[in-house]
Amino acid sequence: MKRNNYYDVTDWQVGNPYTDIGEVINSIIADIKNRQKDTNVNDGGKPGAVIYIPSGDYHLKTQVKIDISYLKIQGSGHGFVSSSIRYNVPKEQWKDLHDIWPGGSRILVDLEPLKGDERSGAAFLVEREGDPRISSVEFENFCIDGLHFVDDGNGDPENTYLNGKTGIYVASAQDSFRITGMGIIYLEHGVTLYNSDALSVHDNFIAECGNCVELRGAGQASKITDNLMGAGYRGYTIFAENFGGLLITSNNIFPRGKSIVHLKGVLRSSVTANRFHSFYPGMLIMENCRENLISSNHFLRDHEPWPPMLEYDNGLDDLYGILCISGNNNLVIANHISEIIHTQSVSYTHLR
């Protein structure tokens, strides 16, 4: 007997995916839970399912809530294109641009987050209590677009990196999650996970977000590899706290993150073979970290060249340093540091 555990959001009887894909995916998850109730049938249990998002634009007005293991949500293209470039050219020039908006399998996050409640702004909220931890949830090959930033009273609203929205928010402890081939853009927080074990964040394009990847709480034996990323001047490109055995390697990270990598209470982890580029000091910050290897990375610190962003920085003086490391038994070896700063551009305001 055929068991159909493959769902296409455009071929589902509940909701309209183009006007609210959140309602559709939640309905599909409810169907999976209804059909897969038994935990042990003939030495098999709940196989989970695949939810497929074809190329197209899909508005999300209802938060997707995931509380089952073995779920893969996949699309047909990460669809990334720079929204920052579009918003910082005169609108009358848009007609001459080949592409205006991100494409591929694109989810447009239309949520209105509650002030002070970051969970409310998450397009995908993953949460399940009890044992065992939720496991093997995968996000692959689609675009999550936060659309706009909001006015903070200082300059162009589209350059604030603030909107209270998050692409993927994992609130509970989890095991063996995979985030692969995604395009994540114009969100205050791209990917935020708590208490991750055996996590893989691999081969994604996460940029023009206030923060790109944040590993909070604690975790172990995870990797952030082969990504193209760049956060805004307010936040982290990669942040991890209380982690052991974290591998950060082969990433190409570009400006303008407040920090490129910020590690807090991290031990016995490796930051190797990355290319880091920043317009600000404080590219690598390690707080109370021990027994970590920082090796074979290329650090480039130079000037902000783009007129629309010249008024912004991360608030740190150059005397803070390119690398700021505290802790013990950390090994920093065989890195290449390139620094190109004009004398008149050096910032040391706290000594004036």
C-alpha atoms as a PDB file:
ATOM      1  CA  MET A   1       0.000   0.000   0.000  1.00  0.00           C
ATOM      2  CA  LYS A   2       1.375   3.381  -0.977  1.00  0.00           C
ATOM      3  CA  ARG A   3       2.034   5.855   1.820  1.00  0.00           C
ATOM      4  CA  ASN A   4       2.381   9.372   0.466  1.00  0.00           C
ATOM      5  CA  ASN A   5       4.731  11.397   2.632  1.00  0.00           C
ATOM      6  CA  TYR A   6       5.556  13.944  -0.054  1.00  0.00           C
ATOM      7  CA  TYR A   7       3.505  17.150  -0.124  1.00  0.00           C
ATOM      8  CA  ASP A   8       3.450  19.977  -2.667  1.00  0.00           C
ATOM      9  CA  VAL A   9       2.153  23.241  -1.151  1.00  0.00           C
ATOM     10  CA  THR A  10       0.497  24.132  -4.476  1.00  0.00           C
ATOM     11  CA  ASP A  11      -1.460  20.862  -4.472  1.00  0.00           C
ATOM     12  CA  TRP A  12      -3.009  20.859  -0.999  1.00  0.00           C
ATOM     13  CA  GLN A  13      -6.677  21.182  -0.192  1.00  0.00           C
ATOM     14  CA  VAL A  14      -6.379  23.657   2.689  1.00  0.00           C
ATOM     15  CA  GLY A  15      -5.520  27.322   2.157  1.00  0.00           C
ATOM     16  CA  ASN A  16      -3.866  29.237  -0.648  1.00  0.00           C
ATOM     17  CA  PRO A  17      -0.041  29.066  -0.552  1.00  0.00           C
ATOM     18  CA  TYR A  18       0.365  32.264  -2.566  1.00  0.00           C
ATOM     19  CA  THR A  19      -1.574  34.358  -0.051  1.00  0.00           C
ATOM     20  CA  ASP A  20      -0.566  32.509   3.152  1.00  0.00           C
ATOM     21  CA  ILE A  21       1.828  29.607   2.864  1.00  0.00           C
ATOM     22  CA  GLY A  22       2.003  29.451   6.663  1.00  0.00           C
ATOM     23  CA  GLU A  23      -1.590  28.244   6.879  1.00  0.00           C
ATOM     24  CA  VAL A  24      -0.894  25.604   4.215  1.00  0.00           C
ATOM     25  CA  ILE A  25       2.263  24.215   5.832  1.00  0.00           C
ATOM     26  CA  ASN A  26       0.637  24.103   9.277  1.00  0.00           C
ATOM     27  CA  SER A  27      -2.251  22.137   7.781  1.00  0.00           C
ATOM     28  CA  ILE A  28       0.167  19.694   6.155  1.00  0.00           C
ATOM     29  CA  ILE A  29       2.022  19.204   9.451  1.00  0.00           C
ATOM     30  CA  ALA A  30      -1.302  18.500  11.164  1.00  0.00           C
ATOM     31  CA  ASP A  31      -2.026  15.859   8.519  1.00  0.00           C
ATOM     32  CA  ILE A  32       1.377  14.234   9.033  1.00  0.00           C
ATOM     33  CA  LYS A  33       0.764  14.067  12.787  1.00  0.00           C
ATOM     34  CA  ASN A  34      -2.705  12.626  12.262  1.00  0.00           C
ATOM     35  CA  ARG A  35      -1.427   9.888   9.927  1.00  0.00           C
ATOM     36  CA  GLN A  36       1.757   9.092  11.840  1.00  0.00           C
ATOM     37  CA  LYS A  37       0.595   8.412  15.379  1.00  0.00           C
ATOM     38  CA  ASP A  38       2.252   5.084  16.158  1.00  0.00           C
ATOM     39  CA  THR A  39       5.817   5.214  17.431  1.00  0.00           C
ATOM     40  CA  ASN A  40       6.591   1.545  16.757  1.00  0.00           C
ATOM     41  CA  VAL A  41       4.976  -0.463  13.968  1.00  0.00           C
ATOM     42  CA  ASN A  42       6.929  -3.474  12.707  1.00  0.00           C
ATOM     43  CA  ASP A  43      10.113  -1.967  14.094  1.00  0.00           C
ATOM     44  CA  GLY A  44       9.337   1.280  12.313  1.00  0.00           C
ATOM     45  CA  GLY A  45       7.792   4.473  13.567  1.00  0.00           C
ATOM     46  CA  LYS A  46       7.157   7.941  12.222  1.00  0.00           C
ATOM     47  CA  PRO A  47       9.068   8.506   8.989  1.00  0.00           C
ATOM     48  CA  GLY A  48       8.149  12.161   8.739  1.00  0.00           C
ATOM     49  CA  ALA A  49       7.666  13.829   5.375  1.00  0.00           C
ATOM     50  CA  VAL A  50       8.886  16.218   2.696  1.00  0.00           C
ATOM     51  CA  ILE A  51       7.092  19.495   2.008  1.00  0.00           C
ATOM     52  CA  TYR A  52       7.965  20.911  -1.401  1.00  0.00           C
ATOM     53  CA  ILE A  53       7.761  24.579  -2.368  1.00  0.00           C
ATOM     54  CA  PRO A  54       7.969  25.114  -6.161  1.00  0.00           C
ATOM     55  CA  SER A  55       9.517  28.279  -7.581  1.00  0.00           C
ATOM     56  CA  GLY A  56       7.247  31.240  -6.984  1.00  0.00           C
ATOM     57  CA  ASP A  57       6.347  33.968  -4.498  1.00  0.00           C
ATOM     58  CA  TYR A  58       4.476  32.879  -1.362  1.00  0.00           C
ATOM     59  CA  HIS A  59       3.293  35.316   1.274  1.00  0.00           C
ATOM     60  CA  LEU A  60       3.499  34.141   4.891  1.00  0.00           C
ATOM     61  CA  LYS A  61       0.942  35.696   7.211  1.00  0.00           C
ATOM     62  CA  THR A  62       0.698  32.759   9.678  1.00  0.00           C
ATOM     63  CA  GLN A  63       3.749  31.552  11.551  1.00  0.00           C
ATOM     64  CA  VAL A  64       4.770  27.981  10.707  1.00  0.00           C
ATOM     65  CA  LYS A  65       5.009  25.868  13.876  1.00  0.00           C
ATOM     66  CA  ILE A  66       7.060  22.695  13.641  1.00  0.00           C
ATOM     67  CA  ASP A  67       6.870  20.105  16.421  1.00  0.00           C
ATOM     68  CA  ILE A  68       7.682  16.862  14.568  1.00  0.00           C
ATOM     69  CA  SER A  69      10.968  15.189  13.718  1.00  0.00           C
ATOM     70  CA  TYR A  70      12.112  13.981  10.287  1.00  0.00           C
ATOM     71  CA  LEU A  71      10.558  16.876   8.404  1.00  0.00           C
ATOM     72  CA  LYS A  72      12.197  18.373   5.337  1.00  0.00           C
ATOM     73  CA  ILE A  73      10.964  21.608   3.798  1.00  0.00           C
ATOM     74  CA  GLN A  74      12.582  22.148   0.425  1.00  0.00           C
ATOM     75  CA  GLY A  75      12.311  24.420  -2.565  1.00  0.00           C
ATOM     76  CA  SER A  76      13.728  24.811  -6.053  1.00  0.00           C
ATOM     77  CA  GLY A  77      16.145  27.695  -5.633  1.00  0.00           C
ATOM     78  CA  HIS A  78      17.443  30.028  -2.921  1.00  0.00           C
ATOM     79  CA  GLY A  79      16.625  33.040  -5.088  1.00  0.00           C
ATOM     80  CA  PHE A  80      18.995  35.525  -3.447  1.00  0.00           C
ATOM     81  CA  VAL A  81      19.508  38.979  -4.953  1.00  0.00           C
ATOM     82  CA  SER A  82      20.622  42.119  -3.131  1.00  0.00           C
ATOM     83  CA  SER A  83      17.737  44.148  -1.755  1.00  0.00           C
ATOM     84  CA  SER A  84      20.173  46.649  -0.246  1.00  0.00           C
ATOM     85  CA  ILE A  85      21.464  47.611  -3.678  1.00  0.00           C
ATOM     86  CA  ARG A  86      17.909  48.050  -4.970  1.00  0.00           C
ATOM     87  CA  TYR A  87      16.808  50.204  -2.046  1.00  0.00           C
ATOM     88  CA  ASN A  88      19.901  52.411  -2.309  1.00  0.00           C
ATOM     89  CA  VAL A  89      19.500  53.402  -5.949  1.00  0.00           C
ATOM     90  CA  PRO A  90      16.887  55.959  -7.017  1.00  0.00           C
ATOM     91  CA  LYS A  91      13.537  54.330  -7.623  1.00  0.00           C
ATOM     92  CA  GLU A  92      13.349  55.758 -11.115  1.00  0.00           C
ATOM     93  CA  GLN A  93      16.297  53.520 -12.002  1.00  0.00           C
ATOM     94  CA  TRP A  94      14.473  50.321 -11.009  1.00  0.00           C
ATOM     95  CA  LYS A  95      12.955  50.054 -14.479  1.00  0.00           C
ATOM     96  CA  ASP A  96      16.450  49.499 -15.891  1.00  0.00           C
ATOM     97  CA  LEU A  97      17.350  46.696 -13.470  1.00  0.00           C
ATOM     98  CA  HIS A  98      17.250  43.127 -14.786  1.00  0.00           C
ATOM     99  CA  ASP A  99      15.943  41.858 -11.422  1.00  0.00           C
ATOM    100  CA  ILE A 100      14.050  43.749  -8.736  1.00  0.00           C
ATOM    101  CA  TRP A 101      13.165  41.233  -6.027  1.00  0.00           C
ATOM    102  CA  PRO A 102      14.607  37.915  -4.820  1.00  0.00           C
ATOM    103  CA  GLY A 103      13.269  34.887  -6.697  1.00  0.00           C
ATOM    104  CA  GLY A 104      13.397  31.092  -6.621  1.00  0.00           C
ATOM    105  CA  SER A 105      11.090  29.471  -4.070  1.00  0.00           C
ATOM    106  CA  ARG A 106      10.547  32.681  -2.135  1.00  0.00           C
ATOM    107  CA  ILE A 107       8.645  33.155   1.107  1.00  0.00           C
ATOM    108  CA  LEU A 108       7.668  36.758   1.809  1.00  0.00           C
ATOM    109  CA  VAL A 109       7.430  37.254   5.567  1.00  0.00           C
ATOM    110  CA  ASP A 110       4.375  39.438   6.218  1.00  0.00           C
ATOM    111  CA  LEU A 111       4.258  38.865   9.972  1.00  0.00           C
ATOM    112  CA  GLU A 112       3.839  41.796  12.346  1.00  0.00           C
ATOM    113  CA  PRO A 113       6.093  40.954  15.328  1.00  0.00           C
ATOM    114  CA  LEU A 114       5.090  41.907  18.827  1.00  0.00           C
ATOM    115  CA  LYS A 115       7.486  44.347  20.460  1.00  0.00           C
ATOM    116  CA  GLY A 116       9.859  42.538  22.794  1.00  0.00           C
ATOM    117  CA  ASP A 117       8.770  39.077  21.622  1.00  0.00           C
ATOM    118  CA  GLU A 118      11.273  37.780  19.078  1.00  0.00           C
ATOM    119  CA  ARG A 119       9.423  34.467  18.735  1.00  0.00           C
ATOM    120  CA  SER A 120       6.399  36.261  17.290  1.00  0.00           C
ATOM    121  CA  GLY A 121       8.422  37.463  14.320  1.00  0.00           C
ATOM    122  CA  ALA A 122       9.715  34.040  13.304  1.00  0.00           C
ATOM    123  CA  ALA A 123       8.572  32.711   9.943  1.00  0.00           C
ATOM    124  CA  PHE A 124       9.404  29.160  11.113  1.00  0.00           C
ATOM    125  CA  LEU A 125       9.175  28.402  14.836  1.00  0.00           C
ATOM    126  CA  VAL A 126      10.506  24.980  15.829  1.00  0.00           C
ATOM    127  CA  GLU A 127       9.621  23.843  19.320  1.00  0.00           C
ATOM    128  CA  ARG A 128       8.862  20.591  21.111  1.00  0.00           C
ATOM    129  CA  GLU A 129       9.346  19.699  24.758  1.00  0.00           C
ATOM    130  CA  GLY A 130       9.830  16.228  26.224  1.00  0.00           C
ATOM    131  CA  ASP A 131      11.997  13.291  25.229  1.00  0.00           C
ATOM    132  CA  PRO A 132      13.584  12.648  22.903  1.00  0.00           C
ATOM    133  CA  ARG A 133      14.597  16.019  21.533  1.00  0.00           C
ATOM    134  CA  ILE A 134      13.122  16.993  18.220  1.00  0.00           C
ATOM    135  CA  SER A 135      15.483  15.708  15.548  1.00  0.00           C
ATOM    136  CA  SER A 136      16.345  15.821  11.860  1.00  0.00           C
ATOM    137  CA  VAL A 137      14.373  18.836  10.703  1.00  0.00           C
ATOM    138  CA  GLU A 138      15.790  20.178   7.442  1.00  0.00           C
ATOM    139  CA  PHE A 139      15.405  23.437   5.534  1.00  0.00           C
ATOM    140  CA  GLU A 140      16.760  23.324   1.997  1.00  0.00           C
ATOM    141  CA  ASN A 141      16.947  25.432  -1.136  1.00  0.00           C
ATOM    142  CA  PHE A 142      14.378  28.190  -0.718  1.00  0.00           C
ATOM    143  CA  CYS A 143      14.378  31.903   0.083  1.00  0.00           C
ATOM    144  CA  ILE A 144      13.065  33.621   3.219  1.00  0.00           C
ATOM    145  CA  ASP A 145      12.683  37.353   2.588  1.00  0.00           C
ATOM    146  CA  GLY A 146      11.895  39.854   5.353  1.00  0.00           C
ATOM    147  CA  LEU A 147      11.024  42.450   2.667  1.00  0.00           C
ATOM    148  CA  HIS A 148      11.705  45.702   4.527  1.00  0.00           C
ATOM    149  CA  PHE A 149      13.461  47.148   7.531  1.00  0.00           C
ATOM    150  CA  VAL A 150      11.810  49.782   9.707  1.00  0.00           C
ATOM    151  CA  ASP A 151      12.552  53.353  10.653  1.00  0.00           C
ATOM    152  CA  ASP A 152      14.558  53.954  13.821  1.00  0.00           C
ATOM    153  CA  GLY A 153      14.744  57.716  13.330  1.00  0.00           C
ATOM    154  CA  ASN A 154      18.301  57.647  11.991  1.00  0.00           C
ATOM    155  CA  GLY A 155      18.636  57.789   8.237  1.00  0.00           C
ATOM    156  CA  ASP A 156      17.114  55.554   5.580  1.00  0.00           C
ATOM    157  CA  PRO A 157      14.676  53.011   7.117  1.00  0.00           C
ATOM    158  CA  GLU A 158      15.867  50.349   4.652  1.00  0.00           C
ATOM    159  CA  ASN A 159      19.378  50.532   6.153  1.00  0.00           C
ATOM    160  CA  THR A 160      18.471  49.986   9.818  1.00  0.00           C
ATOM    161  CA  TYR A 161      18.563  46.157   9.836  1.00  0.00           C
ATOM    162  CA  LEU A 162      15.622  46.271  12.265  1.00  0.00           C
ATOM    163  CA  ASN A 163      12.194  44.694  11.732  1.00  0.00           C
ATOM    164  CA  GLY A 164      11.750  42.105  14.499  1.00  0.00           C
ATOM    165  CA  LYS A 165      11.580  39.270  11.951  1.00  0.00           C
ATOM    166  CA  THR A 166      13.457  35.963  12.065  1.00  0.00           C
ATOM    167  CA  GLY A 167      13.736  33.380   9.319  1.00  0.00           C
ATOM    168  CA  ILE A 168      14.177  30.177  11.353  1.00  0.00           C
ATOM    169  CA  TYR A 169      13.840  30.211  15.140  1.00  0.00           C
ATOM    170  CA  VAL A 170      14.472  26.976  17.018  1.00  0.00           C
ATOM    171  CA  ALA A 171      13.361  27.474  20.600  1.00  0.00           C
ATOM    172  CA  SER A 172      13.933  24.027  22.130  1.00  0.00           C
ATOM    173  CA  ALA A 173      16.854  21.617  22.297  1.00  0.00           C
ATOM    174  CA  GLN A 174      17.330  19.708  19.084  1.00  0.00           C
ATOM    175  CA  ASP A 175      19.581  17.170  17.387  1.00  0.00           C
ATOM    176  CA  SER A 176      20.921  16.765  13.816  1.00  0.00           C
ATOM    177  CA  PHE A 177      19.192  19.735  12.177  1.00  0.00           C
ATOM    178  CA  ARG A 178      20.286  20.762   8.673  1.00  0.00           C
ATOM    179  CA  ILE A 179      19.999  24.187   7.057  1.00  0.00           C
ATOM    180  CA  THR A 180      21.358  23.868   3.532  1.00  0.00           C
ATOM    181  CA  GLY A 181      21.282  25.868   0.316  1.00  0.00           C
ATOM    182  CA  MET A 182      19.014  28.560   1.742  1.00  0.00           C
ATOM    183  CA  GLY A 183      18.752  32.224   0.740  1.00  0.00           C
ATOM    184  CA  ILE A 184      17.935  34.350   3.790  1.00  0.00           C
ATOM    185  CA  ILE A 185      17.603  38.108   3.391  1.00  0.00           C
ATOM    186  CA  TYR A 186      16.336  41.307   5.050  1.00  0.00           C
ATOM    187  CA  LEU A 187      15.523  39.811   8.448  1.00  0.00           C
ATOM    188  CA  GLU A 188      16.663  41.171  11.780  1.00  0.00           C
ATOM    189  CA  HIS A 189      17.689  37.603  12.669  1.00  0.00           C
ATOM    190  CA  GLY A 190      18.379  35.100   9.918  1.00  0.00           C
ATOM    191  CA  VAL A 191      18.765  31.828  11.844  1.00  0.00           C
ATOM    192  CA  THR A 192      18.526  31.538  15.643  1.00  0.00           C
ATOM    193  CA  LEU A 193      18.845  28.195  17.434  1.00  0.00           C
ATOM    194  CA  TYR A 194      18.933  27.270  21.106  1.00  0.00           C
ATOM    195  CA  ASN A 195      20.779  24.238  22.483  1.00  0.00           C
ATOM    196  CA  SER A 196      21.910  22.626  19.239  1.00  0.00           C
ATOM    197  CA  ASP A 197      23.728  19.314  18.914  1.00  0.00           C
ATOM    198  CA  ALA A 198      25.052  17.942  15.606  1.00  0.00           C
ATOM    199  CA  LEU A 199      23.777  20.973  13.702  1.00  0.00           C
ATOM    200  CA  SER A 200      24.829  21.599  10.103  1.00  0.00           C
ATOM    201  CA  VAL A 201      24.545  25.102   8.618  1.00  0.00           C
ATOM    202  CA  HIS A 202      26.070  24.524   5.208  1.00  0.00           C
ATOM    203  CA  ASP A 203      26.251  26.160   1.781  1.00  0.00           C
ATOM    204  CA  ASN A 204      23.743  28.946   2.449  1.00  0.00           C
ATOM    205  CA  PHE A 205      23.543  32.549   1.277  1.00  0.00           C
ATOM    206  CA  ILE A 206      22.600  34.580   4.368  1.00  0.00           C
ATOM    207  CA  ALA A 207      23.118  38.295   3.920  1.00  0.00           C
ATOM    208  CA  GLU A 208      21.620  41.743   4.433  1.00  0.00           C
ATOM    209  CA  CYS A 209      20.248  40.528   7.766  1.00  0.00           C
ATOM    210  CA  GLY A 210      20.760  42.229  11.122  1.00  0.00           C
ATOM    211  CA  ASN A 211      22.268  38.965  12.375  1.00  0.00           C
ATOM    212  CA  CYS A 212      22.978  35.877  10.280  1.00  0.00           C
ATOM    213  CA  VAL A 213      23.540  32.775  12.460  1.00  0.00           C
ATOM    214  CA  GLU A 214      23.100  32.787  16.251  1.00  0.00           C
ATOM    215  CA  LEU A 215      23.703  29.676  18.360  1.00  0.00           C
ATOM    216  CA  ARG A 216      22.354  30.437  21.794  1.00  0.00           C
ATOM    217  CA  GLY A 217      22.073  28.559  25.060  1.00  0.00           C
ATOM    218  CA  ALA A 218      24.661  25.789  24.644  1.00  0.00           C
ATOM    219  CA  GLY A 219      25.565  23.041  22.229  1.00  0.00           C
ATOM    220  CA  GLN A 220      28.162  20.691  20.842  1.00  0.00           C
ATOM    221  CA  ALA A 221      29.553  18.915  17.777  1.00  0.00           C
ATOM    222  CA  SER A 222      28.106  21.267  15.166  1.00  0.00           C
ATOM    223  CA  LYS A 223      29.368  23.009  12.053  1.00  0.00           C
ATOM    224  CA  ILE A 224      28.948  26.218  10.107  1.00  0.00           C
ATOM    225  CA  THR A 225      30.638  25.551   6.770  1.00  0.00           C
ATOM    226  CA  ASP A 226      30.892  26.776   3.183  1.00  0.00           C
ATOM    227  CA  ASN A 227      28.451  29.639   3.620  1.00  0.00           C
ATOM    228  CA  LEU A 228      28.352  33.061   1.988  1.00  0.00           C
ATOM    229  CA  MET A 229      27.266  35.503   4.706  1.00  0.00           C
ATOM    230  CA  GLY A 230      27.302  39.116   5.771  1.00  0.00           C
ATOM    231  CA  ALA A 231      25.311  40.764   8.561  1.00  0.00           C
ATOM    232  CA  GLY A 232      24.489  44.417   9.184  1.00  0.00           C
ATOM    233  CA  TYR A 233      26.499  46.866  11.271  1.00  0.00           C
ATOM    234  CA  ARG A 234      24.350  46.220  14.356  1.00  0.00           C
ATOM    235  CA  GLY A 235      24.748  42.470  14.697  1.00  0.00           C
ATOM    236  CA  TYR A 236      26.675  39.244  14.360  1.00  0.00           C
ATOM    237  CA  THR A 237      27.454  37.300  11.263  1.00  0.00           C
ATOM    238  CA  ILE A 238      28.205  34.243  13.439  1.00  0.00           C
ATOM    239  CA  PHE A 239      27.532  34.152  17.186  1.00  0.00           C
ATOM    240  CA  ALA A 240      27.906  31.123  19.450  1.00  0.00           C
ATOM    241  CA  GLU A 241      27.813  30.771  23.217  1.00  0.00           C
ATOM    242  CA  ASN A 242      28.689  27.923  25.572  1.00  0.00           C
ATOM    243  CA  PHE A 243      29.582  25.623  22.694  1.00  0.00           C
ATOM    244  CA  GLY A 244      32.008  22.735  22.501  1.00  0.00           C
ATOM    245  CA  GLY A 245      33.305  21.114  19.345  1.00  0.00           C
ATOM    246  CA  LEU A 246      32.038  23.784  16.954  1.00  0.00           C
ATOM    247  CA  LEU A 247      33.587  23.838  13.489  1.00  0.00           C
ATOM    248  CA  ILE A 248      33.530  27.145  11.579  1.00  0.00           C
ATOM    249  CA  THR A 249      35.345  26.588   8.300  1.00  0.00           C
ATOM    250  CA  SER A 250      35.468  27.468   4.604  1.00  0.00           C
ATOM    251  CA  ASN A 251      33.051  30.373   4.960  1.00  0.00           C
ATOM    252  CA  ASN A 252      33.330  33.525   2.880  1.00  0.00           C
ATOM    253  CA  ILE A 253      32.069  36.292   5.123  1.00  0.00           C
ATOM    254  CA  PHE A 254      31.732  39.829   3.851  1.00  0.00           C
ATOM    255  CA  PRO A 255      30.841  43.188   5.449  1.00  0.00           C
ATOM    256  CA  ARG A 256      29.065  44.788   7.289  1.00  0.00           C
ATOM    257  CA  GLY A 257      28.579  42.799  10.474  1.00  0.00           C
ATOM    258  CA  LYS A 258      29.314  44.415  13.822  1.00  0.00           C
ATOM    259  CA  SER A 259      31.464  41.323  14.301  1.00  0.00           C
ATOM    260  CA  ILE A 260      32.294  38.536  11.876  1.00  0.00           C
ATOM    261  CA  VAL A 261      32.605  35.809  14.517  1.00  0.00           C
ATOM    262  CA  HIS A 262      31.696  36.352  18.173  1.00  0.00           C
ATOM    263  CA  LEU A 263      32.323  33.433  20.517  1.00  0.00           C
ATOM    264  CA  LYS A 264      31.310  33.504  24.162  1.00  0.00           C
ATOM    265  CA  GLY A 265      32.237  30.690  26.546  1.00  0.00           C
ATOM    266  CA  VAL A 266      33.221  28.454  23.620  1.00  0.00           C
ATOM    267  CA  LEU A 267      35.776  25.664  24.081  1.00  0.00           C
ATOM    268  CA  ARG A 268      37.686  23.121  22.035  1.00  0.00           C
ATOM    269  CA  SER A 269      36.356  24.463  18.761  1.00  0.00           C
ATOM    270  CA  SER A 270      37.961  25.446  15.459  1.00  0.00           C
ATOM    271  CA  VAL A 271      37.791  28.536  13.252  1.00  0.00           C
ATOM    272  CA  THR A 272      39.822  27.534  10.213  1.00  0.00           C
ATOM    273  CA  ALA A 273      40.277  28.257   6.509  1.00  0.00           C
ATOM    274  CA  ASN A 274      37.768  31.102   6.317  1.00  0.00           C
ATOM    275  CA  ARG A 275      37.915  34.346   4.376  1.00  0.00           C
ATOM    276  CA  PHE A 276      36.736  37.256   6.540  1.00  0.00           C
ATOM    277  CA  HIS A 277      36.220  40.813   5.259  1.00  0.00           C
ATOM    278  CA  SER A 278      35.111  43.725   7.421  1.00  0.00           C
ATOM    279  CA  PHE A 279      34.883  47.507   7.343  1.00  0.00           C
ATOM    280  CA  TYR A 280      35.088  47.682  11.153  1.00  0.00           C
ATOM    281  CA  PRO A 281      37.381  46.587  13.984  1.00  0.00           C
ATOM    282  CA  GLY A 282      36.363  43.638  16.167  1.00  0.00           C
ATOM    283  CA  MET A 283      36.222  41.064  13.369  1.00  0.00           C
ATOM    284  CA  LEU A 284      36.837  38.101  15.701  1.00  0.00           C
ATOM    285  CA  ILE A 285      35.795  38.456  19.339  1.00  0.00           C
ATOM    286  CA  MET A 286      36.315  35.672  21.871  1.00  0.00           C
ATOM    287  CA  GLU A 287      34.998  36.123  25.418  1.00  0.00           C
ATOM    288  CA  ASN A 288      36.084  33.675  28.118  1.00  0.00           C
ATOM    289  CA  CYS A 289      36.980  31.002  25.565  1.00  0.00           C
ATOM    290  CA  ARG A 290      39.496  28.201  26.001  1.00  0.00           C
ATOM    291  CA  GLU A 291      41.355  25.577  24.034  1.00  0.00           C
ATOM    292  CA  ASN A 292      40.218  26.804  20.630  1.00  0.00           C
ATOM    293  CA  LEU A 293      42.124  26.716  17.350  1.00  0.00           C
ATOM    294  CA  ILE A 294      42.117  29.822  15.118  1.00  0.00           C
ATOM    295  CA  SER A 295      44.149  28.955  12.052  1.00  0.00           C
ATOM    296  CA  SER A 296      44.626  29.522   8.324  1.00  0.00           C
ATOM    297  CA  ASN A 297      42.074  32.320   8.079  1.00  0.00           C
ATOM    298  CA  HIS A 298      42.381  35.419   5.920  1.00  0.00           C
ATOM    299  CA  PHE A 299      41.275  38.609   7.680  1.00  0.00           C
ATOM    300  CA  LEU A 300      40.796  41.720   5.533  1.00  0.00           C
ATOM    301  CA  ARG A 301      39.989  45.024   7.222  1.00  0.00           C
ATOM    302  CA  ASP A 302      39.504  48.030   4.965  1.00  0.00           C
ATOM    303  CA  HIS A 303      37.221  50.999   4.317  1.00  0.00           C
ATOM    304  CA  GLU A 304      33.523  51.245   3.615  1.00  0.00           C
ATOM    305  CA  PRO A 305      33.450  52.281  -0.077  1.00  0.00           C
ATOM    306  CA  TRP A 306      29.719  52.690  -0.690  1.00  0.00           C
ATOM    307  CA  PRO A 307      28.332  56.227  -0.206  1.00  0.00           C
ATOM    308  CA  PRO A 308      24.892  55.189   1.187  1.00  0.00           C
ATOM    309  CA  MET A 309      26.559  53.316   4.081  1.00  0.00           C
ATOM    310  CA  LEU A 310      29.383  55.735   4.951  1.00  0.00           C
ATOM    311  CA  GLU A 311      27.492  57.159   7.920  1.00  0.00           C
ATOM    312  CA  TYR A 312      27.246  53.792   9.685  1.00  0.00           C
ATOM    313  CA  ASP A 313      29.773  51.822  11.741  1.00  0.00           C
ATOM    314  CA  ASN A 314      29.785  49.299  14.584  1.00  0.00           C
ATOM    315  CA  GLY A 315      30.663  51.797  17.329  1.00  0.00           C
ATOM    316  CA  LEU A 316      34.139  50.388  18.053  1.00  0.00           C
ATOM    317  CA  ASP A 317      37.420  52.292  17.886  1.00  0.00           C
ATOM    318  CA  ASP A 318      40.290  50.897  15.865  1.00  0.00           C
ATOM    319  CA  LEU A 319      42.329  50.466  19.036  1.00  0.00           C
ATOM    320  CA  TYR A 320      39.879  47.725  19.972  1.00  0.00           C
ATOM    321  CA  GLY A 321      41.757  45.604  17.456  1.00  0.00           C
ATOM    322  CA  ILE A 322      40.903  43.330  14.578  1.00  0.00           C
ATOM    323  CA  LEU A 323      41.010  40.303  16.888  1.00  0.00           C
ATOM    324  CA  CYS A 324      39.993  40.556  20.535  1.00  0.00           C
ATOM    325  CA  ILE A 325      40.630  37.357  22.475  1.00  0.00           C
ATOM    326  CA  SER A 326      40.121  36.563  26.152  1.00  0.00           C
ATOM    327  CA  GLY A 327      40.385  33.175  27.829  1.00  0.00           C
ATOM    328  CA  ASN A 328      43.147  30.616  28.079  1.00  0.00           C
ATOM    329  CA  ASN A 329      44.954  27.965  26.054  1.00  0.00           C
ATOM    330  CA  ASN A 330      43.673  29.290  22.732  1.00  0.00           C
ATOM    331  CA  LEU A 331      45.972  28.822  19.738  1.00  0.00           C
ATOM    332  CA  VAL A 332      46.043  31.539  17.076  1.00  0.00           C
ATOM    333  CA  ILE A 333      48.428  30.466  14.336  1.00  0.00           C
ATOM    334  CA  ALA A 334      49.140  30.878  10.620  1.00  0.00           C
ATOM    335  CA  ASN A 335      46.467  33.478   9.872  1.00  0.00           C
ATOM    336  CA  HIS A 336      46.924  36.197   7.267  1.00  0.00           C
ATOM    337  CA  ILE A 337      45.789  39.681   8.294  1.00  0.00           C
ATOM    338  CA  SER A 338      45.410  42.420   5.688  1.00  0.00           C
ATOM    339  CA  GLU A 339      44.692  45.938   6.923  1.00  0.00           C
ATOM    340  CA  ILE A 340      44.162  48.874   4.592  1.00  0.00           C
ATOM    341  CA  ILE A 341      43.142  51.980   6.532  1.00  0.00           C
ATOM    342  CA  HIS A 342      43.835  55.613   5.686  1.00  0.00           C
ATOM    343  CA  THR A 343      45.323  57.561   8.572  1.00  0.00           C
ATOM    344  CA  GLN A 344      42.476  60.079   8.595  1.00  0.00           C
ATOM    345  CA  SER A 345      39.963  57.259   8.902  1.00  0.00           C
ATOM    346  CA  VAL A 346      41.434  55.673  12.032  1.00  0.00           C
ATOM    347  CA  SER A 347      38.972  55.990  14.913  1.00  0.00           C
ATOM    348  CA  TYR A 348      40.237  56.402  18.489  1.00  0.00           C
ATOM    349  CA  THR A 349      37.604  58.664  20.008  1.00  0.00           C
ATOM    350  CA  HIS A 350      37.963  57.369  23.583  1.00  0.00           C
ATOM    351  CA  LEU A 351      41.550  58.779  23.713  1.00  0.00           C
ATOM    352  CA  ARG A 352      40.681  62.248  22.458  1.00  0.00           C
END
